[in-house]
Amino acid sequence: MESLGIVIAFYVLSAITIGSALAVFLLRNLVHAIVLLVLAFLGMAGLFLTLSADFIAISQILIYAGAISVLLVFAVMLTPLGSRDNANSLYINIGVPVGFLISLLIGFMAWNTTWDELTGNAIKERDFSDTIREIGNQLLDKHLLSFEVASVLLLFALIGAIILVKEVKKEKDDLITESEN
């Protein structure tokens, strides 16, 4: 059995993650929704830490809480202001059936699944440092080219977005000066 502190941290992080994810779904302000989505990502990373999945937790922080959140902020900055006034009936029409299906799925999994627990020597025999080393070797050896191509592609996308925004601003400034004359 895990220590009491880890169990309490797991439940607190679960509540934070579920609460912030629900708030992302319900909020109308897009910037607030992104901030709470980052909190949900960080909560998931904390949950992975409580489950002794350190590599996945760090990956969660770097990829989701870092890169995906920055991508969402750029998307909000580059998108023209639009209304997010969705009807509340949309939440009920979609949310209730989806919630029912998720509850049914969770109930079915809990009822039909046997959860084997690792205890004693079985936990001590598992050495996850070999797994992390192998993932690092694969990323930086066999898949290095695809890793670098993806980073260059993301860099070009970022530069392109900056150029698009700069040109739109220049055209607006030219239109303003023409209308004043």
C-alpha atoms as a PDB file:
ATOM      1  CA  MET A   1       0.000   0.000   0.000  1.00  0.00           C
ATOM      2  CA  GLU A   2       1.223   3.475  -0.834  1.00  0.00           C
ATOM      3  CA  SER A   3       1.830   6.064   1.828  1.00  0.00           C
ATOM      4  CA  LEU A   4      -1.057   8.221   2.976  1.00  0.00           C
ATOM      5  CA  GLY A   5       0.523  11.362   1.501  1.00  0.00           C
ATOM      6  CA  ILE A   6       0.650   9.899  -2.002  1.00  0.00           C
ATOM      7  CA  VAL A   7      -2.963   8.742  -1.770  1.00  0.00           C
ATOM      8  CA  ILE A   8      -4.104  12.190  -0.592  1.00  0.00           C
ATOM      9  CA  ALA A   9      -2.064  13.877  -3.337  1.00  0.00           C
ATOM     10  CA  PHE A  10      -3.637  11.562  -5.914  1.00  0.00           C
ATOM     11  CA  TYR A  11      -7.172  12.487  -4.858  1.00  0.00           C
ATOM     12  CA  VAL A  12      -6.404  16.212  -4.618  1.00  0.00           C
ATOM     13  CA  LEU A  13      -4.758  16.219  -8.051  1.00  0.00           C
ATOM     14  CA  SER A  14      -7.671  14.218  -9.448  1.00  0.00           C
ATOM     15  CA  ALA A  15     -10.137  16.787  -8.138  1.00  0.00           C
ATOM     16  CA  ILE A  16      -8.071  19.674  -9.538  1.00  0.00           C
ATOM     17  CA  THR A  17      -7.733  17.991 -12.930  1.00  0.00           C
ATOM     18  CA  ILE A  18     -11.397  17.071 -13.244  1.00  0.00           C
ATOM     19  CA  GLY A  19     -12.537  20.474 -11.962  1.00  0.00           C
ATOM     20  CA  SER A  20     -10.331  22.449 -14.325  1.00  0.00           C
ATOM     21  CA  ALA A  21     -11.268  20.228 -17.286  1.00  0.00           C
ATOM     22  CA  LEU A  22     -14.944  20.756 -16.522  1.00  0.00           C
ATOM     23  CA  ALA A  23     -14.368  24.505 -16.233  1.00  0.00           C
ATOM     24  CA  VAL A  24     -12.669  24.512 -19.656  1.00  0.00           C
ATOM     25  CA  PHE A  25     -15.824  22.964 -21.061  1.00  0.00           C
ATOM     26  CA  LEU A  26     -18.173  25.410 -19.355  1.00  0.00           C
ATOM     27  CA  LEU A  27     -16.316  28.747 -19.603  1.00  0.00           C
ATOM     28  CA  ARG A  28     -17.112  31.216 -22.342  1.00  0.00           C
ATOM     29  CA  ASN A  29     -13.911  33.265 -22.054  1.00  0.00           C
ATOM     30  CA  LEU A  30     -11.346  31.617 -24.300  1.00  0.00           C
ATOM     31  CA  VAL A  31      -8.272  32.921 -22.465  1.00  0.00           C
ATOM     32  CA  HIS A  32      -9.575  31.670 -19.114  1.00  0.00           C
ATOM     33  CA  ALA A  33     -10.336  28.316 -20.714  1.00  0.00           C
ATOM     34  CA  ILE A  34      -6.738  28.030 -21.959  1.00  0.00           C
ATOM     35  CA  VAL A  35      -5.350  28.863 -18.507  1.00  0.00           C
ATOM     36  CA  LEU A  36      -7.536  26.195 -16.927  1.00  0.00           C
ATOM     37  CA  LEU A  37      -6.530  23.734 -19.643  1.00  0.00           C
ATOM     38  CA  VAL A  38      -2.893  24.302 -18.651  1.00  0.00           C
ATOM     39  CA  LEU A  39      -3.923  23.594 -15.041  1.00  0.00           C
ATOM     40  CA  ALA A  40      -5.580  20.351 -16.195  1.00  0.00           C
ATOM     41  CA  PHE A  41      -2.386  19.367 -18.041  1.00  0.00           C
ATOM     42  CA  LEU A  42      -0.287  20.076 -14.956  1.00  0.00           C
ATOM     43  CA  GLY A  43      -2.737  18.113 -12.820  1.00  0.00           C
ATOM     44  CA  MET A  44      -2.333  15.135 -15.163  1.00  0.00           C
ATOM     45  CA  ALA A  45       1.439  15.438 -14.831  1.00  0.00           C
ATOM     46  CA  GLY A  46       1.037  15.361 -11.050  1.00  0.00           C
ATOM     47  CA  LEU A  47      -1.139  12.275 -11.322  1.00  0.00           C
ATOM     48  CA  PHE A  48       1.552  10.568 -13.373  1.00  0.00           C
ATOM     49  CA  LEU A  49       4.085  11.475 -10.686  1.00  0.00           C
ATOM     50  CA  THR A  50       1.943   9.881  -7.987  1.00  0.00           C
ATOM     51  CA  LEU A  51       1.785   6.742 -10.124  1.00  0.00           C
ATOM     52  CA  SER A  52       5.622   6.639 -10.400  1.00  0.00           C
ATOM     53  CA  ALA A  53       5.586   7.415 -14.124  1.00  0.00           C
ATOM     54  CA  ASP A  54       8.229  10.136 -14.020  1.00  0.00           C
ATOM     55  CA  PHE A  55       9.088  10.154 -17.726  1.00  0.00           C
ATOM     56  CA  ILE A  56       5.451  10.489 -18.783  1.00  0.00           C
ATOM     57  CA  ALA A  57       4.951  13.284 -16.234  1.00  0.00           C
ATOM     58  CA  ILE A  58       7.894  15.273 -17.580  1.00  0.00           C
ATOM     59  CA  SER A  59       6.726  14.639 -21.143  1.00  0.00           C
ATOM     60  CA  GLN A  60       3.253  15.841 -20.171  1.00  0.00           C
ATOM     61  CA  ILE A  61       4.701  19.076 -18.800  1.00  0.00           C
ATOM     62  CA  LEU A  62       6.997  19.713 -21.757  1.00  0.00           C
ATOM     63  CA  ILE A  63       4.641  18.767 -24.565  1.00  0.00           C
ATOM     64  CA  TYR A  64       1.167  19.607 -23.331  1.00  0.00           C
ATOM     65  CA  ALA A  65       1.576  22.225 -20.620  1.00  0.00           C
ATOM     66  CA  GLY A  66       4.376  23.866 -22.596  1.00  0.00           C
ATOM     67  CA  ALA A  67       4.146  23.442 -26.354  1.00  0.00           C
ATOM     68  CA  ILE A  68       0.433  22.799 -26.882  1.00  0.00           C
ATOM     69  CA  SER A  69      -0.518  25.652 -24.548  1.00  0.00           C
ATOM     70  CA  VAL A  70       1.743  28.076 -26.419  1.00  0.00           C
ATOM     71  CA  LEU A  71       0.212  26.858 -29.680  1.00  0.00           C
ATOM     72  CA  LEU A  72      -3.275  27.560 -28.323  1.00  0.00           C
ATOM     73  CA  VAL A  73      -2.246  31.044 -27.167  1.00  0.00           C
ATOM     74  CA  PHE A  74      -0.882  31.796 -30.656  1.00  0.00           C
ATOM     75  CA  ALA A  75      -4.100  30.477 -32.191  1.00  0.00           C
ATOM     76  CA  VAL A  76      -6.136  32.821 -30.000  1.00  0.00           C
ATOM     77  CA  MET A  77      -3.865  35.758 -30.800  1.00  0.00           C
ATOM     78  CA  LEU A  78      -3.980  35.139 -34.562  1.00  0.00           C
ATOM     79  CA  THR A  79      -7.697  34.468 -34.827  1.00  0.00           C
ATOM     80  CA  PRO A  80     -10.003  37.431 -35.341  1.00  0.00           C
ATOM     81  CA  LEU A  81     -12.277  38.137 -32.425  1.00  0.00           C
ATOM     82  CA  GLY A  82     -15.408  36.101 -32.680  1.00  0.00           C
ATOM     83  CA  SER A  83     -18.252  35.352 -30.380  1.00  0.00           C
ATOM     84  CA  ARG A  84     -18.334  32.178 -28.381  1.00  0.00           C
ATOM     85  CA  ASP A  85     -21.963  32.465 -27.507  1.00  0.00           C
ATOM     86  CA  ASN A  86     -23.016  28.857 -27.738  1.00  0.00           C
ATOM     87  CA  ALA A  87     -26.481  28.002 -26.620  1.00  0.00           C
ATOM     88  CA  ASN A  88     -26.730  26.242 -23.276  1.00  0.00           C
ATOM     89  CA  SER A  89     -28.939  23.586 -24.872  1.00  0.00           C
ATOM     90  CA  LEU A  90     -25.886  22.399 -26.792  1.00  0.00           C
ATOM     91  CA  TYR A  91     -24.283  21.308 -23.527  1.00  0.00           C
ATOM     92  CA  ILE A  92     -27.385  19.390 -22.515  1.00  0.00           C
ATOM     93  CA  ASN A  93     -28.013  17.830 -25.934  1.00  0.00           C
ATOM     94  CA  ILE A  94     -24.452  16.557 -26.268  1.00  0.00           C
ATOM     95  CA  GLY A  95     -23.246  16.418 -22.670  1.00  0.00           C
ATOM     96  CA  VAL A  96     -25.938  14.183 -21.214  1.00  0.00           C
ATOM     97  CA  PRO A  97     -25.591  11.311 -23.743  1.00  0.00           C
ATOM     98  CA  VAL A  98     -21.799  11.520 -23.676  1.00  0.00           C
ATOM     99  CA  GLY A  99     -21.786  11.571 -19.866  1.00  0.00           C
ATOM    100  CA  PHE A 100     -24.102   8.562 -19.817  1.00  0.00           C
ATOM    101  CA  LEU A 101     -21.872   6.632 -22.224  1.00  0.00           C
ATOM    102  CA  ILE A 102     -18.738   7.466 -20.241  1.00  0.00           C
ATOM    103  CA  SER A 103     -20.421   6.399 -16.989  1.00  0.00           C
ATOM    104  CA  LEU A 104     -21.546   3.172 -18.633  1.00  0.00           C
ATOM    105  CA  LEU A 105     -18.016   2.510 -19.913  1.00  0.00           C
ATOM    106  CA  ILE A 106     -16.408   3.189 -16.527  1.00  0.00           C
ATOM    107  CA  GLY A 107     -18.954   0.986 -14.794  1.00  0.00           C
ATOM    108  CA  PHE A 108     -18.377  -1.836 -17.255  1.00  0.00           C
ATOM    109  CA  MET A 109     -14.595  -1.580 -16.860  1.00  0.00           C
ATOM    110  CA  ALA A 110     -14.794  -1.569 -13.063  1.00  0.00           C
ATOM    111  CA  TRP A 111     -17.175  -4.528 -13.046  1.00  0.00           C
ATOM    112  CA  ASN A 112     -15.322  -6.765 -15.537  1.00  0.00           C
ATOM    113  CA  THR A 113     -11.688  -5.953 -14.836  1.00  0.00           C
ATOM    114  CA  THR A 114      -9.442  -7.642 -12.339  1.00  0.00           C
ATOM    115  CA  TRP A 115      -6.795  -5.285 -11.043  1.00  0.00           C
ATOM    116  CA  ASP A 116      -3.613  -7.098 -10.143  1.00  0.00           C
ATOM    117  CA  GLU A 117      -1.597  -5.266  -7.533  1.00  0.00           C
ATOM    118  CA  LEU A 118       2.180  -5.372  -7.459  1.00  0.00           C
ATOM    119  CA  THR A 119       3.441  -5.878  -3.936  1.00  0.00           C
ATOM    120  CA  GLY A 120       6.727  -6.519  -2.218  1.00  0.00           C
ATOM    121  CA  ASN A 121       9.491  -7.874  -4.456  1.00  0.00           C
ATOM    122  CA  ALA A 122       7.497  -7.413  -7.688  1.00  0.00           C
ATOM    123  CA  ILE A 123       7.769  -3.632  -7.311  1.00  0.00           C
ATOM    124  CA  LYS A 124      11.468  -3.779  -6.457  1.00  0.00           C
ATOM    125  CA  GLU A 125      12.212  -5.984  -9.481  1.00  0.00           C
ATOM    126  CA  ARG A 126      10.776  -3.453 -11.952  1.00  0.00           C
ATOM    127  CA  ASP A 127      13.511  -1.101 -13.046  1.00  0.00           C
ATOM    128  CA  PHE A 128      12.119   1.730 -15.140  1.00  0.00           C
ATOM    129  CA  SER A 129      15.499   3.351 -15.763  1.00  0.00           C
ATOM    130  CA  ASP A 130      16.052   0.884 -18.626  1.00  0.00           C
ATOM    131  CA  THR A 131      12.783   1.997 -20.214  1.00  0.00           C
ATOM    132  CA  ILE A 132      13.708   5.675 -20.031  1.00  0.00           C
ATOM    133  CA  ARG A 133      17.161   4.953 -21.424  1.00  0.00           C
ATOM    134  CA  GLU A 134      15.668   3.001 -24.333  1.00  0.00           C
ATOM    135  CA  ILE A 135      13.178   5.780 -25.154  1.00  0.00           C
ATOM    136  CA  GLY A 136      16.021   8.318 -25.131  1.00  0.00           C
ATOM    137  CA  ASN A 137      18.168   6.123 -27.362  1.00  0.00           C
ATOM    138  CA  GLN A 138      15.304   5.674 -29.826  1.00  0.00           C
ATOM    139  CA  LEU A 139      14.547   9.411 -29.965  1.00  0.00           C
ATOM    140  CA  LEU A 140      18.148  10.521 -30.337  1.00  0.00           C
ATOM    141  CA  ASP A 141      19.446   7.646 -32.474  1.00  0.00           C
ATOM    142  CA  LYS A 142      16.965   5.899 -34.737  1.00  0.00           C
ATOM    143  CA  HIS A 143      14.338   8.658 -34.919  1.00  0.00           C
ATOM    144  CA  LEU A 144      16.633  11.687 -34.734  1.00  0.00           C
ATOM    145  CA  LEU A 145      15.891  12.837 -38.287  1.00  0.00           C
ATOM    146  CA  SER A 146      12.111  12.807 -37.826  1.00  0.00           C
ATOM    147  CA  PHE A 147      12.509  14.556 -34.457  1.00  0.00           C
ATOM    148  CA  GLU A 148      14.574  17.343 -36.072  1.00  0.00           C
ATOM    149  CA  VAL A 149      12.267  17.639 -39.108  1.00  0.00           C
ATOM    150  CA  ALA A 150       9.286  18.113 -36.791  1.00  0.00           C
ATOM    151  CA  SER A 151      11.101  20.860 -34.870  1.00  0.00           C
ATOM    152  CA  VAL A 152      12.074  22.695 -38.092  1.00  0.00           C
ATOM    153  CA  LEU A 153       8.492  22.387 -39.371  1.00  0.00           C
ATOM    154  CA  LEU A 154       7.162  23.920 -36.152  1.00  0.00           C
ATOM    155  CA  LEU A 155       9.728  26.727 -36.415  1.00  0.00           C
ATOM    156  CA  PHE A 156       8.618  27.526 -39.977  1.00  0.00           C
ATOM    157  CA  ALA A 157       4.966  27.496 -38.885  1.00  0.00           C
ATOM    158  CA  LEU A 158       5.763  29.976 -36.112  1.00  0.00           C
ATOM    159  CA  ILE A 159       7.695  32.269 -38.470  1.00  0.00           C
ATOM    160  CA  GLY A 160       4.862  32.081 -41.009  1.00  0.00           C
ATOM    161  CA  ALA A 161       2.296  33.023 -38.378  1.00  0.00           C
ATOM    162  CA  ILE A 162       4.363  36.048 -37.345  1.00  0.00           C
ATOM    163  CA  ILE A 163       4.709  37.159 -40.980  1.00  0.00           C
ATOM    164  CA  LEU A 164       0.964  36.800 -41.567  1.00  0.00           C
ATOM    165  CA  VAL A 165       0.137  38.911 -38.536  1.00  0.00           C
ATOM    166  CA  LYS A 166       2.678  41.575 -39.459  1.00  0.00           C
ATOM    167  CA  GLU A 167       1.313  41.934 -43.023  1.00  0.00           C
ATOM    168  CA  VAL A 168      -2.279  42.234 -41.813  1.00  0.00           C
ATOM    169  CA  LYS A 169      -1.279  44.998 -39.416  1.00  0.00           C
ATOM    170  CA  LYS A 170       0.591  46.867 -42.177  1.00  0.00           C
ATOM    171  CA  GLU A 171      -2.453  46.681 -44.490  1.00  0.00           C
ATOM    172  CA  LYS A 172      -4.718  48.015 -41.728  1.00  0.00           C
ATOM    173  CA  ASP A 173      -2.338  50.914 -41.090  1.00  0.00           C
ATOM    174  CA  ASP A 174      -2.306  51.750 -44.809  1.00  0.00           C
ATOM    175  CA  LEU A 175      -6.123  51.707 -44.930  1.00  0.00           C
ATOM    176  CA  ILE A 176      -6.332  54.006 -41.911  1.00  0.00           C
ATOM    177  CA  THR A 177      -3.925  56.535 -43.431  1.00  0.00           C
ATOM    178  CA  GLU A 178      -5.804  56.466 -46.767  1.00  0.00           C
ATOM    179  CA  SER A 179      -9.158  57.043 -45.069  1.00  0.00           C
ATOM    180  CA  GLU A 180      -7.764  60.023 -43.179  1.00  0.00           C
ATOM    181  CA  ASN A 181      -6.658  61.698 -46.419  1.00  0.00           C
END
